[in-house]
N, C-alpha and C. Protein backbone atom coordinates (compact mmCIF):
# COMPACT_ATOMS: atom_id res chain seq x y z
N MET A 1 -1.78 67.22 87.42
CA MET A 1 -2.11 66.05 88.25
C MET A 1 -1.73 66.34 89.70
N SER A 2 -2.62 66.10 90.61
CA SER A 2 -2.37 66.40 92.01
C SER A 2 -1.33 65.46 92.60
N THR A 3 -0.68 65.95 93.66
CA THR A 3 0.32 65.11 94.34
C THR A 3 -0.31 63.84 94.89
N GLN A 4 -1.55 63.96 95.39
CA GLN A 4 -2.24 62.80 95.96
C GLN A 4 -2.48 61.74 94.88
N THR A 5 -2.87 62.20 93.69
CA THR A 5 -3.10 61.25 92.59
C THR A 5 -1.81 60.57 92.16
N GLN A 6 -0.71 61.36 92.12
CA GLN A 6 0.57 60.80 91.74
C GLN A 6 1.01 59.73 92.74
N VAL A 7 0.83 60.03 94.02
CA VAL A 7 1.20 59.06 95.05
C VAL A 7 0.36 57.80 94.93
N PHE A 8 -0.95 57.99 94.68
CA PHE A 8 -1.84 56.85 94.54
C PHE A 8 -1.44 55.96 93.37
N ARG A 9 -1.14 56.59 92.23
CA ARG A 9 -0.76 55.81 91.05
C ARG A 9 0.59 55.13 91.25
N SER A 10 1.50 55.84 91.92
CA SER A 10 2.81 55.22 92.21
C SER A 10 2.64 54.02 93.12
N SER A 11 1.74 54.16 94.09
CA SER A 11 1.50 53.04 95.01
C SER A 11 0.93 51.83 94.27
N LEU A 12 0.01 52.12 93.34
CA LEU A 12 -0.55 51.03 92.54
C LEU A 12 0.51 50.35 91.70
N LEU A 13 1.42 51.16 91.12
CA LEU A 13 2.48 50.60 90.30
C LEU A 13 3.39 49.71 91.12
N ILE A 14 3.78 50.20 92.29
CA ILE A 14 4.65 49.41 93.17
C ILE A 14 3.97 48.10 93.57
N LEU A 15 2.68 48.20 93.92
CA LEU A 15 1.97 47.00 94.34
C LEU A 15 1.83 46.03 93.18
N SER A 16 1.66 46.54 91.97
CA SER A 16 1.55 45.68 90.80
C SER A 16 2.85 44.92 90.57
N LEU A 17 3.97 45.61 90.79
CA LEU A 17 5.27 44.95 90.64
C LEU A 17 5.46 43.89 91.72
N VAL A 18 5.02 44.22 92.93
CA VAL A 18 5.11 43.24 94.03
C VAL A 18 4.27 42.01 93.70
N ILE A 19 3.05 42.26 93.19
CA ILE A 19 2.16 41.16 92.83
C ILE A 19 2.81 40.28 91.78
N ALA A 20 3.41 40.90 90.78
CA ALA A 20 4.03 40.13 89.71
C ALA A 20 5.17 39.28 90.24
N GLY A 21 5.89 39.81 91.24
CA GLY A 21 7.04 39.08 91.76
C GLY A 21 6.72 38.11 92.87
N CYS A 22 5.52 38.21 93.46
CA CYS A 22 5.20 37.39 94.63
C CYS A 22 4.03 36.45 94.38
N ALA A 23 3.76 36.14 93.14
CA ALA A 23 2.60 35.30 92.83
C ALA A 23 2.79 33.87 93.28
N GLY A 24 4.01 33.53 93.71
CA GLY A 24 4.23 32.18 94.20
C GLY A 24 5.56 31.65 93.73
N THR A 25 6.26 30.94 94.60
CA THR A 25 7.54 30.35 94.25
C THR A 25 7.31 28.96 93.67
N PRO A 26 7.88 28.65 92.49
CA PRO A 26 7.70 27.32 91.91
C PRO A 26 8.19 26.24 92.88
N THR A 27 7.48 25.14 92.94
CA THR A 27 7.83 24.06 93.86
C THR A 27 8.87 23.16 93.22
N ALA A 28 9.94 22.89 93.95
CA ALA A 28 11.05 22.08 93.44
C ALA A 28 10.68 20.59 93.42
N ARG A 29 11.48 19.82 92.70
CA ARG A 29 11.29 18.37 92.70
C ARG A 29 12.01 17.73 93.89
N TYR A 30 12.97 18.43 94.48
CA TYR A 30 13.69 18.00 95.67
C TYR A 30 14.50 16.72 95.41
N ALA A 31 15.74 16.92 95.06
CA ALA A 31 16.62 15.84 94.64
C ALA A 31 16.87 14.80 95.73
N GLY A 32 16.71 15.18 97.00
CA GLY A 32 16.99 14.26 98.09
C GLY A 32 15.88 13.30 98.43
N LEU A 33 14.75 13.38 97.75
CA LEU A 33 13.65 12.45 98.01
C LEU A 33 13.95 11.07 97.45
N SER A 34 13.48 10.04 98.13
CA SER A 34 13.67 8.66 97.65
C SER A 34 13.04 8.45 96.28
N SER A 35 11.93 9.15 96.04
CA SER A 35 11.19 8.97 94.79
C SER A 35 11.55 9.99 93.72
N ALA A 36 12.58 10.80 93.95
CA ALA A 36 12.88 11.94 93.07
C ALA A 36 13.03 11.53 91.61
N GLU A 37 13.73 10.43 91.36
CA GLU A 37 13.98 10.03 89.98
C GLU A 37 12.72 9.54 89.27
N LYS A 38 11.69 9.19 90.03
CA LYS A 38 10.46 8.70 89.43
C LYS A 38 9.40 9.79 89.26
N LEU A 39 9.65 10.95 89.85
CA LEU A 39 8.69 12.04 89.74
C LEU A 39 8.77 12.69 88.36
N GLN A 40 7.63 12.94 87.78
CA GLN A 40 7.56 13.56 86.46
C GLN A 40 6.71 14.83 86.54
N SER A 41 6.92 15.71 85.57
CA SER A 41 6.14 16.94 85.52
C SER A 41 4.67 16.60 85.32
N ASN A 42 3.82 17.20 86.14
CA ASN A 42 2.38 16.93 86.11
C ASN A 42 1.70 17.89 85.14
N SER A 43 0.98 17.35 84.19
CA SER A 43 0.26 18.18 83.21
C SER A 43 -1.25 18.19 83.47
N GLY A 44 -1.67 17.66 84.60
CA GLY A 44 -3.09 17.58 84.93
C GLY A 44 -3.64 18.89 85.45
N ASP A 45 -4.93 18.86 85.78
CA ASP A 45 -5.61 20.07 86.26
C ASP A 45 -5.06 20.57 87.58
N ASN A 46 -4.44 19.69 88.36
CA ASN A 46 -3.92 20.09 89.67
C ASN A 46 -2.42 20.39 89.62
N ALA A 47 -1.88 20.63 88.44
CA ALA A 47 -0.45 20.86 88.29
C ALA A 47 0.03 22.11 89.02
N HIS A 48 -0.88 23.08 89.24
CA HIS A 48 -0.47 24.32 89.89
C HIS A 48 -0.05 24.10 91.34
N ASN A 49 -0.59 23.06 92.00
CA ASN A 49 -0.14 22.80 93.36
C ASN A 49 0.47 21.41 93.54
N GLN A 50 0.41 20.57 92.51
CA GLN A 50 1.12 19.30 92.52
C GLN A 50 1.93 19.20 91.23
N PRO A 51 3.02 19.96 91.14
CA PRO A 51 3.77 20.02 89.88
C PRO A 51 4.55 18.77 89.54
N TRP A 52 4.83 17.94 90.54
CA TRP A 52 5.62 16.72 90.33
C TRP A 52 4.89 15.53 90.91
N ARG A 53 4.79 14.43 90.14
CA ARG A 53 4.15 13.23 90.65
C ARG A 53 4.53 12.04 89.79
N THR A 54 4.31 10.85 90.33
CA THR A 54 4.52 9.63 89.55
C THR A 54 3.29 9.36 88.70
N THR A 55 3.45 8.53 87.70
CA THR A 55 2.33 8.19 86.83
C THR A 55 1.78 6.81 87.20
N GLY A 56 0.67 6.45 86.60
CA GLY A 56 0.07 5.14 86.84
C GLY A 56 -1.10 5.19 87.79
N GLN A 57 -2.02 4.26 87.61
CA GLN A 57 -3.22 4.17 88.43
C GLN A 57 -3.08 3.03 89.43
N ILE A 58 -3.53 3.26 90.63
CA ILE A 58 -3.47 2.24 91.69
C ILE A 58 -4.89 1.94 92.16
N ASP A 59 -5.17 0.65 92.38
CA ASP A 59 -6.45 0.25 92.94
C ASP A 59 -6.36 0.34 94.46
N TRP A 60 -6.77 1.48 94.99
CA TRP A 60 -6.64 1.72 96.43
C TRP A 60 -7.64 0.89 97.24
N HIS A 61 -8.65 0.37 96.61
CA HIS A 61 -9.67 -0.39 97.35
C HIS A 61 -9.12 -1.69 97.94
N LYS A 62 -8.00 -2.17 97.43
CA LYS A 62 -7.41 -3.40 97.97
C LYS A 62 -6.69 -3.17 99.30
N TYR A 63 -6.60 -1.91 99.71
CA TYR A 63 -5.91 -1.58 100.95
C TYR A 63 -6.92 -1.08 101.99
N SER A 64 -6.80 -1.61 103.19
CA SER A 64 -7.74 -1.24 104.25
C SER A 64 -7.06 -0.75 105.52
N GLU A 65 -5.74 -0.78 105.54
CA GLU A 65 -4.99 -0.36 106.72
C GLU A 65 -3.92 0.66 106.31
N VAL A 66 -3.46 1.42 107.29
CA VAL A 66 -2.46 2.44 106.98
C VAL A 66 -1.46 2.60 108.13
N MET A 67 -0.22 2.82 107.76
CA MET A 67 0.84 3.18 108.69
C MET A 67 1.37 4.55 108.26
N VAL A 68 1.45 5.50 109.16
CA VAL A 68 1.97 6.82 108.84
C VAL A 68 3.30 7.02 109.56
N ASP A 69 4.37 7.18 108.80
CA ASP A 69 5.68 7.43 109.39
C ASP A 69 5.73 8.83 110.01
N PRO A 70 6.57 9.02 111.04
CA PRO A 70 6.80 10.37 111.54
C PRO A 70 7.28 11.27 110.40
N VAL A 71 6.80 12.49 110.36
CA VAL A 71 7.14 13.40 109.27
C VAL A 71 8.63 13.78 109.32
N VAL A 72 9.27 13.67 108.17
CA VAL A 72 10.69 14.04 108.04
C VAL A 72 10.79 15.50 107.60
N ILE A 73 11.69 16.25 108.21
CA ILE A 73 11.96 17.62 107.78
C ILE A 73 13.12 17.59 106.80
N TYR A 74 12.85 17.99 105.58
CA TYR A 74 13.83 17.88 104.49
C TYR A 74 15.05 18.76 104.76
N GLN A 75 16.25 18.17 104.57
CA GLN A 75 17.49 18.88 104.85
C GLN A 75 18.28 19.21 103.60
N GLY A 76 17.77 18.86 102.43
CA GLY A 76 18.50 19.11 101.19
C GLY A 76 18.73 20.58 100.93
N ALA A 77 19.78 20.88 100.13
CA ALA A 77 20.10 22.27 99.81
C ALA A 77 19.01 22.94 99.01
N ASP A 78 18.16 22.15 98.35
CA ASP A 78 17.07 22.71 97.55
C ASP A 78 15.77 22.84 98.34
N ASN A 79 15.87 22.83 99.68
CA ASN A 79 14.67 23.04 100.50
C ASN A 79 14.13 24.45 100.25
N GLN A 80 12.86 24.67 100.61
CA GLN A 80 12.23 25.96 100.39
C GLN A 80 11.68 26.55 101.70
N PHE A 81 12.51 26.44 102.75
CA PHE A 81 12.13 26.99 104.05
C PHE A 81 12.55 28.45 104.21
N GLY A 82 13.49 28.92 103.40
CA GLY A 82 13.98 30.28 103.58
C GLY A 82 14.56 30.45 104.97
N ASP A 83 14.14 31.49 105.68
CA ASP A 83 14.66 31.74 107.03
C ASP A 83 13.72 31.24 108.12
N LEU A 84 12.81 30.32 107.77
CA LEU A 84 11.89 29.78 108.76
C LEU A 84 12.68 29.07 109.85
N SER A 85 12.36 29.36 111.11
CA SER A 85 13.12 28.80 112.23
C SER A 85 12.92 27.29 112.34
N GLN A 86 13.86 26.64 113.00
CA GLN A 86 13.76 25.20 113.20
C GLN A 86 12.53 24.86 114.05
N ALA A 87 12.22 25.73 115.01
CA ALA A 87 11.05 25.49 115.85
C ALA A 87 9.76 25.53 115.02
N ASP A 88 9.66 26.48 114.09
CA ASP A 88 8.48 26.57 113.24
C ASP A 88 8.40 25.38 112.28
N ARG A 89 9.54 24.95 111.78
CA ARG A 89 9.56 23.76 110.91
C ARG A 89 9.04 22.54 111.66
N GLN A 90 9.49 22.39 112.90
CA GLN A 90 9.05 21.24 113.70
C GLN A 90 7.57 21.34 114.02
N GLU A 91 7.08 22.56 114.29
CA GLU A 91 5.66 22.74 114.58
C GLU A 91 4.81 22.32 113.38
N LEU A 92 5.23 22.68 112.19
CA LEU A 92 4.48 22.31 110.99
C LEU A 92 4.58 20.80 110.73
N ALA A 93 5.75 20.22 110.97
CA ALA A 93 5.91 18.78 110.79
C ALA A 93 4.99 18.01 111.74
N ASP A 94 4.93 18.44 112.99
CA ASP A 94 4.06 17.79 113.97
C ASP A 94 2.59 17.93 113.57
N TYR A 95 2.23 19.10 113.08
CA TYR A 95 0.84 19.34 112.69
C TYR A 95 0.48 18.49 111.47
N LEU A 96 1.40 18.37 110.52
CA LEU A 96 1.17 17.55 109.34
C LEU A 96 0.96 16.09 109.73
N TYR A 97 1.77 15.59 110.64
CA TYR A 97 1.64 14.20 111.11
C TYR A 97 0.29 13.99 111.80
N GLN A 98 -0.06 14.93 112.67
CA GLN A 98 -1.33 14.83 113.41
C GLN A 98 -2.53 14.82 112.46
N ARG A 99 -2.56 15.77 111.53
CA ARG A 99 -3.71 15.89 110.63
C ARG A 99 -3.79 14.70 109.68
N CYS A 100 -2.66 14.21 109.22
CA CYS A 100 -2.68 13.06 108.32
C CYS A 100 -3.27 11.84 109.01
N ASN A 101 -2.87 11.61 110.25
CA ASN A 101 -3.42 10.48 111.00
C ASN A 101 -4.91 10.64 111.23
N GLU A 102 -5.33 11.84 111.59
CA GLU A 102 -6.74 12.09 111.87
C GLU A 102 -7.60 11.86 110.63
N VAL A 103 -7.12 12.32 109.50
CA VAL A 103 -7.91 12.23 108.27
C VAL A 103 -7.93 10.80 107.72
N LEU A 104 -6.78 10.15 107.70
CA LEU A 104 -6.71 8.82 107.08
C LEU A 104 -7.46 7.75 107.88
N LYS A 105 -7.57 7.94 109.19
CA LYS A 105 -8.27 6.93 109.97
C LYS A 105 -9.78 6.93 109.71
N THR A 106 -10.29 7.92 108.98
CA THR A 106 -11.70 7.89 108.58
C THR A 106 -11.93 6.94 107.41
N ARG A 107 -10.85 6.50 106.77
CA ARG A 107 -10.95 5.56 105.63
C ARG A 107 -10.20 4.26 105.89
N PHE A 108 -9.10 4.33 106.65
CA PHE A 108 -8.26 3.16 106.90
C PHE A 108 -8.16 2.87 108.40
N SER A 109 -7.88 1.61 108.71
CA SER A 109 -7.61 1.23 110.09
C SER A 109 -6.13 1.44 110.38
N PRO A 110 -5.78 2.22 111.38
CA PRO A 110 -4.36 2.40 111.72
C PRO A 110 -3.74 1.07 112.14
N THR A 111 -2.51 0.84 111.74
CA THR A 111 -1.83 -0.40 112.09
C THR A 111 -0.33 -0.15 112.23
N GLN A 112 0.34 -0.99 112.97
CA GLN A 112 1.79 -0.97 113.05
C GLN A 112 2.38 -2.26 112.48
N ARG A 113 1.50 -3.10 111.90
CA ARG A 113 1.93 -4.40 111.37
C ARG A 113 1.90 -4.37 109.85
N PRO A 114 3.07 -4.46 109.20
CA PRO A 114 3.10 -4.45 107.74
C PRO A 114 2.36 -5.66 107.16
N SER A 115 1.59 -5.44 106.12
CA SER A 115 0.90 -6.51 105.44
C SER A 115 0.59 -6.07 104.02
N SER A 116 0.11 -6.99 103.21
CA SER A 116 -0.19 -6.69 101.81
C SER A 116 -1.42 -5.81 101.66
N LYS A 117 -2.20 -5.66 102.71
CA LYS A 117 -3.39 -4.81 102.65
C LYS A 117 -3.19 -3.48 103.37
N ALA A 118 -1.93 -3.20 103.74
CA ALA A 118 -1.61 -1.97 104.46
C ALA A 118 -0.76 -1.03 103.61
N LEU A 119 -1.04 0.26 103.71
CA LEU A 119 -0.23 1.29 103.08
C LEU A 119 0.71 1.90 104.11
N ARG A 120 1.89 2.27 103.65
CA ARG A 120 2.80 3.05 104.49
C ARG A 120 2.94 4.43 103.85
N VAL A 121 2.57 5.47 104.59
CA VAL A 121 2.60 6.83 104.07
C VAL A 121 3.80 7.56 104.68
N LYS A 122 4.67 8.04 103.79
CA LYS A 122 5.84 8.80 104.22
C LYS A 122 5.67 10.24 103.77
N LEU A 123 5.71 11.17 104.72
CA LEU A 123 5.56 12.58 104.43
C LEU A 123 6.87 13.30 104.74
N THR A 124 7.30 14.16 103.82
CA THR A 124 8.52 14.93 104.01
C THR A 124 8.21 16.41 103.85
N LEU A 125 8.33 17.16 104.94
CA LEU A 125 8.11 18.60 104.89
C LEU A 125 9.30 19.24 104.19
N THR A 126 9.04 19.93 103.07
CA THR A 126 10.13 20.43 102.23
C THR A 126 10.24 21.95 102.19
N GLY A 127 9.21 22.66 102.63
CA GLY A 127 9.28 24.11 102.58
C GLY A 127 8.06 24.75 103.18
N ALA A 128 8.15 26.04 103.46
CA ALA A 128 7.01 26.79 103.98
C ALA A 128 7.30 28.27 103.83
N GLU A 129 6.25 29.03 103.64
CA GLU A 129 6.34 30.48 103.59
C GLU A 129 5.37 31.04 104.62
N THR A 130 5.83 31.98 105.42
CA THR A 130 4.96 32.59 106.42
C THR A 130 4.14 33.72 105.79
N THR A 131 3.04 34.06 106.43
CA THR A 131 2.22 35.16 105.98
C THR A 131 2.88 36.48 106.36
N THR A 132 2.94 37.41 105.42
CA THR A 132 3.51 38.73 105.71
C THR A 132 2.60 39.47 106.69
N PRO A 133 3.10 39.84 107.88
CA PRO A 133 2.24 40.50 108.88
C PRO A 133 1.58 41.76 108.32
N VAL A 134 0.33 41.94 108.64
CA VAL A 134 -0.50 43.08 108.25
C VAL A 134 -0.80 43.09 106.76
N LEU A 135 0.25 43.05 105.92
CA LEU A 135 0.03 43.14 104.48
C LEU A 135 -0.74 41.94 103.95
N GLY A 136 -0.54 40.77 104.55
CA GLY A 136 -1.26 39.58 104.12
C GLY A 136 -2.77 39.78 104.23
N THR A 137 -3.19 40.53 105.25
CA THR A 137 -4.61 40.84 105.43
C THR A 137 -5.01 42.06 104.60
N PHE A 138 -4.18 43.10 104.63
CA PHE A 138 -4.49 44.36 103.95
C PHE A 138 -4.72 44.16 102.45
N THR A 139 -3.91 43.31 101.83
CA THR A 139 -4.01 43.15 100.37
C THR A 139 -5.28 42.42 99.93
N LYS A 140 -6.06 41.93 100.86
CA LYS A 140 -7.34 41.32 100.49
C LYS A 140 -8.42 42.37 100.26
N PHE A 141 -8.15 43.60 100.70
CA PHE A 141 -9.17 44.63 100.66
C PHE A 141 -8.75 45.91 99.92
N ASP A 142 -7.44 46.12 99.73
CA ASP A 142 -7.02 47.37 99.10
C ASP A 142 -7.30 47.33 97.60
N LEU A 143 -7.15 48.47 96.94
CA LEU A 143 -7.58 48.62 95.55
C LEU A 143 -6.74 47.82 94.56
N ALA A 144 -5.51 47.48 94.93
CA ALA A 144 -4.67 46.71 94.01
C ALA A 144 -4.71 45.22 94.34
N GLY A 145 -4.46 44.90 95.61
CA GLY A 145 -4.39 43.49 95.99
C GLY A 145 -5.73 42.80 96.00
N GLY A 146 -6.81 43.55 96.34
CA GLY A 146 -8.13 42.95 96.43
C GLY A 146 -8.58 42.27 95.15
N PRO A 147 -8.59 42.98 94.01
CA PRO A 147 -9.00 42.34 92.75
C PRO A 147 -8.12 41.15 92.37
N TYR A 148 -6.83 41.28 92.62
CA TYR A 148 -5.91 40.16 92.33
C TYR A 148 -6.29 38.93 93.14
N ASN A 149 -6.50 39.12 94.44
CA ASN A 149 -6.84 38.00 95.31
C ASN A 149 -8.20 37.40 94.97
N ILE A 150 -9.13 38.22 94.53
CA ILE A 150 -10.44 37.70 94.13
C ILE A 150 -10.29 36.75 92.94
N VAL A 151 -9.49 37.19 91.95
CA VAL A 151 -9.26 36.33 90.78
C VAL A 151 -8.55 35.04 91.19
N GLN A 152 -7.54 35.17 92.05
CA GLN A 152 -6.83 33.97 92.52
C GLN A 152 -7.76 33.04 93.28
N SER A 153 -8.67 33.62 94.05
CA SER A 153 -9.63 32.81 94.80
C SER A 153 -10.50 31.99 93.87
N ILE A 154 -10.98 32.62 92.81
CA ILE A 154 -11.84 31.93 91.84
C ILE A 154 -11.06 30.82 91.14
N ARG A 155 -9.80 31.07 90.85
CA ARG A 155 -8.95 30.10 90.14
C ARG A 155 -8.39 29.02 91.06
N GLY A 156 -8.57 29.20 92.37
CA GLY A 156 -7.99 28.25 93.31
C GLY A 156 -6.48 28.36 93.42
N ARG A 157 -5.98 29.56 93.17
CA ARG A 157 -4.54 29.78 93.19
C ARG A 157 -4.11 30.56 94.43
N GLU A 158 -2.81 30.77 94.54
CA GLU A 158 -2.20 31.32 95.75
C GLU A 158 -2.47 32.81 95.89
N GLY A 159 -2.79 33.26 97.11
CA GLY A 159 -3.04 34.65 97.38
C GLY A 159 -1.76 35.44 97.58
N LEU A 160 -1.89 36.76 97.51
CA LEU A 160 -0.75 37.66 97.63
C LEU A 160 -0.29 37.78 99.08
N MET A 161 1.01 37.55 99.30
CA MET A 161 1.64 37.73 100.61
C MET A 161 1.06 36.81 101.68
N ASN A 162 0.45 35.72 101.28
CA ASN A 162 -0.03 34.72 102.23
C ASN A 162 0.96 33.58 102.33
N GLY A 163 0.91 32.87 103.42
CA GLY A 163 1.81 31.75 103.62
C GLY A 163 1.39 30.50 102.88
N SER A 164 2.27 29.52 102.89
CA SER A 164 2.00 28.24 102.23
C SER A 164 2.88 27.17 102.85
N VAL A 165 2.65 25.93 102.46
CA VAL A 165 3.48 24.82 102.92
C VAL A 165 3.73 23.89 101.75
N SER A 166 4.93 23.33 101.69
CA SER A 166 5.27 22.38 100.63
C SER A 166 5.75 21.08 101.27
N TYR A 167 5.31 19.96 100.71
CA TYR A 167 5.77 18.68 101.24
C TYR A 167 5.61 17.59 100.18
N ALA A 168 6.29 16.50 100.42
CA ALA A 168 6.23 15.35 99.52
C ALA A 168 5.44 14.23 100.18
N VAL A 169 4.66 13.54 99.37
CA VAL A 169 3.90 12.37 99.81
C VAL A 169 4.43 11.16 99.05
N GLU A 170 4.85 10.14 99.78
CA GLU A 170 5.31 8.89 99.16
C GLU A 170 4.53 7.74 99.81
N ILE A 171 3.85 6.96 98.99
CA ILE A 171 2.97 5.90 99.49
C ILE A 171 3.51 4.55 99.05
N TYR A 172 3.73 3.68 100.00
CA TYR A 172 4.31 2.36 99.75
C TYR A 172 3.34 1.27 100.19
N GLN A 173 3.47 0.09 99.58
CA GLN A 173 2.80 -1.09 100.14
C GLN A 173 3.64 -1.53 101.34
N ALA A 174 3.01 -1.66 102.49
CA ALA A 174 3.74 -1.77 103.75
C ALA A 174 4.58 -3.04 103.88
N ASP A 175 4.15 -4.14 103.26
CA ASP A 175 4.87 -5.39 103.50
C ASP A 175 6.13 -5.54 102.65
N ASN A 176 6.22 -4.83 101.52
CA ASN A 176 7.39 -4.99 100.65
C ASN A 176 8.04 -3.66 100.26
N ASN A 177 7.51 -2.55 100.79
CA ASN A 177 8.04 -1.21 100.51
C ASN A 177 8.08 -0.87 99.03
N GLN A 178 7.16 -1.42 98.26
CA GLN A 178 7.03 -1.04 96.86
C GLN A 178 6.38 0.33 96.77
N LEU A 179 7.03 1.25 96.05
CA LEU A 179 6.46 2.58 95.89
C LEU A 179 5.24 2.50 94.97
N LEU A 180 4.10 2.92 95.47
CA LEU A 180 2.87 2.89 94.70
C LEU A 180 2.61 4.22 94.00
N GLN A 181 2.79 5.30 94.73
CA GLN A 181 2.55 6.61 94.16
C GLN A 181 3.25 7.66 95.01
N ALA A 182 3.65 8.75 94.36
CA ALA A 182 4.33 9.84 95.07
C ALA A 182 4.04 11.15 94.36
N TRP A 183 4.03 12.23 95.12
CA TRP A 183 3.90 13.55 94.53
C TRP A 183 4.46 14.60 95.47
N VAL A 184 4.75 15.75 94.91
CA VAL A 184 5.17 16.92 95.66
C VAL A 184 4.06 17.95 95.55
N THR A 185 3.69 18.54 96.66
CA THR A 185 2.56 19.47 96.65
C THR A 185 2.89 20.76 97.38
N LYS A 186 2.27 21.83 96.94
CA LYS A 186 2.32 23.11 97.64
C LYS A 186 0.89 23.50 97.96
N GLU A 187 0.60 23.68 99.24
CA GLU A 187 -0.77 23.92 99.69
C GLU A 187 -0.86 25.28 100.38
N TYR A 188 -2.02 25.92 100.21
CA TYR A 188 -2.24 27.25 100.76
C TYR A 188 -3.74 27.48 100.89
N PRO A 189 -4.15 28.43 101.71
CA PRO A 189 -5.59 28.69 101.87
C PRO A 189 -6.15 29.42 100.65
N ASN A 190 -7.47 29.49 100.58
CA ASN A 190 -8.11 30.30 99.55
C ASN A 190 -7.58 31.73 99.65
N ALA A 191 -7.38 32.36 98.51
CA ALA A 191 -6.76 33.69 98.47
C ALA A 191 -7.56 34.74 99.23
N MET A 192 -8.85 34.50 99.46
CA MET A 192 -9.67 35.47 100.19
C MET A 192 -10.00 34.99 101.61
N ASN A 193 -9.27 34.01 102.10
CA ASN A 193 -9.48 33.51 103.46
C ASN A 193 -8.81 34.47 104.44
N VAL A 194 -9.59 35.35 105.01
CA VAL A 194 -9.04 36.39 105.89
C VAL A 194 -8.48 35.79 107.18
N SER A 195 -9.18 34.85 107.79
CA SER A 195 -8.74 34.29 109.06
C SER A 195 -7.38 33.62 108.95
N ALA A 196 -7.09 33.07 107.77
CA ALA A 196 -5.80 32.39 107.58
C ALA A 196 -4.65 33.36 107.40
N SER A 197 -4.95 34.65 107.34
CA SER A 197 -3.89 35.65 107.18
C SER A 197 -3.39 36.18 108.52
N PHE A 198 -4.00 35.74 109.62
CA PHE A 198 -3.56 36.17 110.95
C PHE A 198 -2.65 35.08 111.53
N GLY A 199 -1.46 35.46 111.92
CA GLY A 199 -0.51 34.50 112.46
C GLY A 199 0.41 34.00 111.36
N SER A 200 1.69 33.93 111.65
CA SER A 200 2.67 33.61 110.61
C SER A 200 2.51 32.22 110.02
N LEU A 201 2.03 31.25 110.82
CA LEU A 201 1.91 29.87 110.34
C LEU A 201 0.47 29.46 110.05
N SER A 202 -0.48 30.36 110.24
CA SER A 202 -1.89 30.00 110.05
C SER A 202 -2.17 29.51 108.64
N ALA A 203 -1.65 30.23 107.64
CA ALA A 203 -1.91 29.85 106.25
C ALA A 203 -1.30 28.50 105.93
N ALA A 204 -0.10 28.24 106.44
CA ALA A 204 0.55 26.94 106.20
C ALA A 204 -0.27 25.81 106.82
N LYS A 205 -0.82 26.05 108.00
CA LYS A 205 -1.62 25.00 108.66
C LYS A 205 -2.94 24.77 107.92
N VAL A 206 -3.56 25.85 107.41
CA VAL A 206 -4.76 25.67 106.59
C VAL A 206 -4.40 24.89 105.32
N GLY A 207 -3.22 25.17 104.77
CA GLY A 207 -2.76 24.40 103.62
C GLY A 207 -2.61 22.92 103.93
N ILE A 208 -2.12 22.62 105.12
CA ILE A 208 -2.00 21.22 105.54
C ILE A 208 -3.38 20.58 105.67
N ASP A 209 -4.33 21.32 106.22
CA ASP A 209 -5.70 20.81 106.32
C ASP A 209 -6.23 20.44 104.94
N LYS A 210 -6.03 21.34 103.97
CA LYS A 210 -6.50 21.08 102.61
C LYS A 210 -5.77 19.90 101.99
N GLY A 211 -4.45 19.87 102.18
CA GLY A 211 -3.65 18.82 101.56
C GLY A 211 -3.97 17.44 102.06
N THR A 212 -4.21 17.31 103.36
CA THR A 212 -4.53 15.99 103.90
C THR A 212 -5.91 15.51 103.45
N GLU A 213 -6.85 16.45 103.29
CA GLU A 213 -8.16 16.08 102.74
C GLU A 213 -8.02 15.63 101.29
N GLN A 214 -7.16 16.29 100.53
CA GLN A 214 -6.92 15.88 99.16
C GLN A 214 -6.26 14.50 99.09
N LEU A 215 -5.36 14.25 100.04
CA LEU A 215 -4.73 12.93 100.12
C LEU A 215 -5.78 11.86 100.32
N LEU A 216 -6.69 12.10 101.24
CA LEU A 216 -7.75 11.13 101.51
C LEU A 216 -8.58 10.89 100.24
N SER A 217 -8.94 11.95 99.54
CA SER A 217 -9.78 11.79 98.35
C SER A 217 -9.06 11.02 97.26
N GLN A 218 -7.73 11.13 97.19
CA GLN A 218 -6.99 10.42 96.16
C GLN A 218 -6.83 8.93 96.50
N LEU A 219 -7.05 8.58 97.75
CA LEU A 219 -6.90 7.18 98.15
C LEU A 219 -8.24 6.45 98.21
N LYS A 220 -9.31 7.11 97.82
CA LYS A 220 -10.63 6.47 97.85
C LYS A 220 -10.89 5.74 96.55
């Protein structure tokens, strides 16, 4: 066996081990959330990115207004920020607040006055992973990472060495602060989204774009 072949096979083995270990960090329930005790393990089709949520059906059509609280950056010991800087955490929190307001106003009238027809949306940024420079892009095309990412893309699952964002959504009736529904989500771009692999926070922001659109669809 040639030295080149041995190196190639060794590289594939190493990458396979990396893939096995980096397929995604499980999302915590986050004990410091107000809704933590009411969150249950999700067994639905979206459990891979919304592993924790409350049960029960809500008639969202009775609500026509929305209040969005400023996004809280989670400080609990079980946060999943790793070594992400405080500045990057704040940048993602600001972006999450901005996108949530932009998306929800297409369905609800923004308001600052609590009423029985208004929802109050509380978002808590709980974690984020940055995209690994160069490798996040390279693994979409190389002989080991490429096939893996293609399969993940088809399954709607997380790509190799790409970034992500995790946050909690808690929705209350604005006039009495009754919790209507809550969930914890981990959002990320399609595994073959090349543009989202450039820039350390690009993938997390694409994840926020996806997550806020999903929020809107769940409130229709």
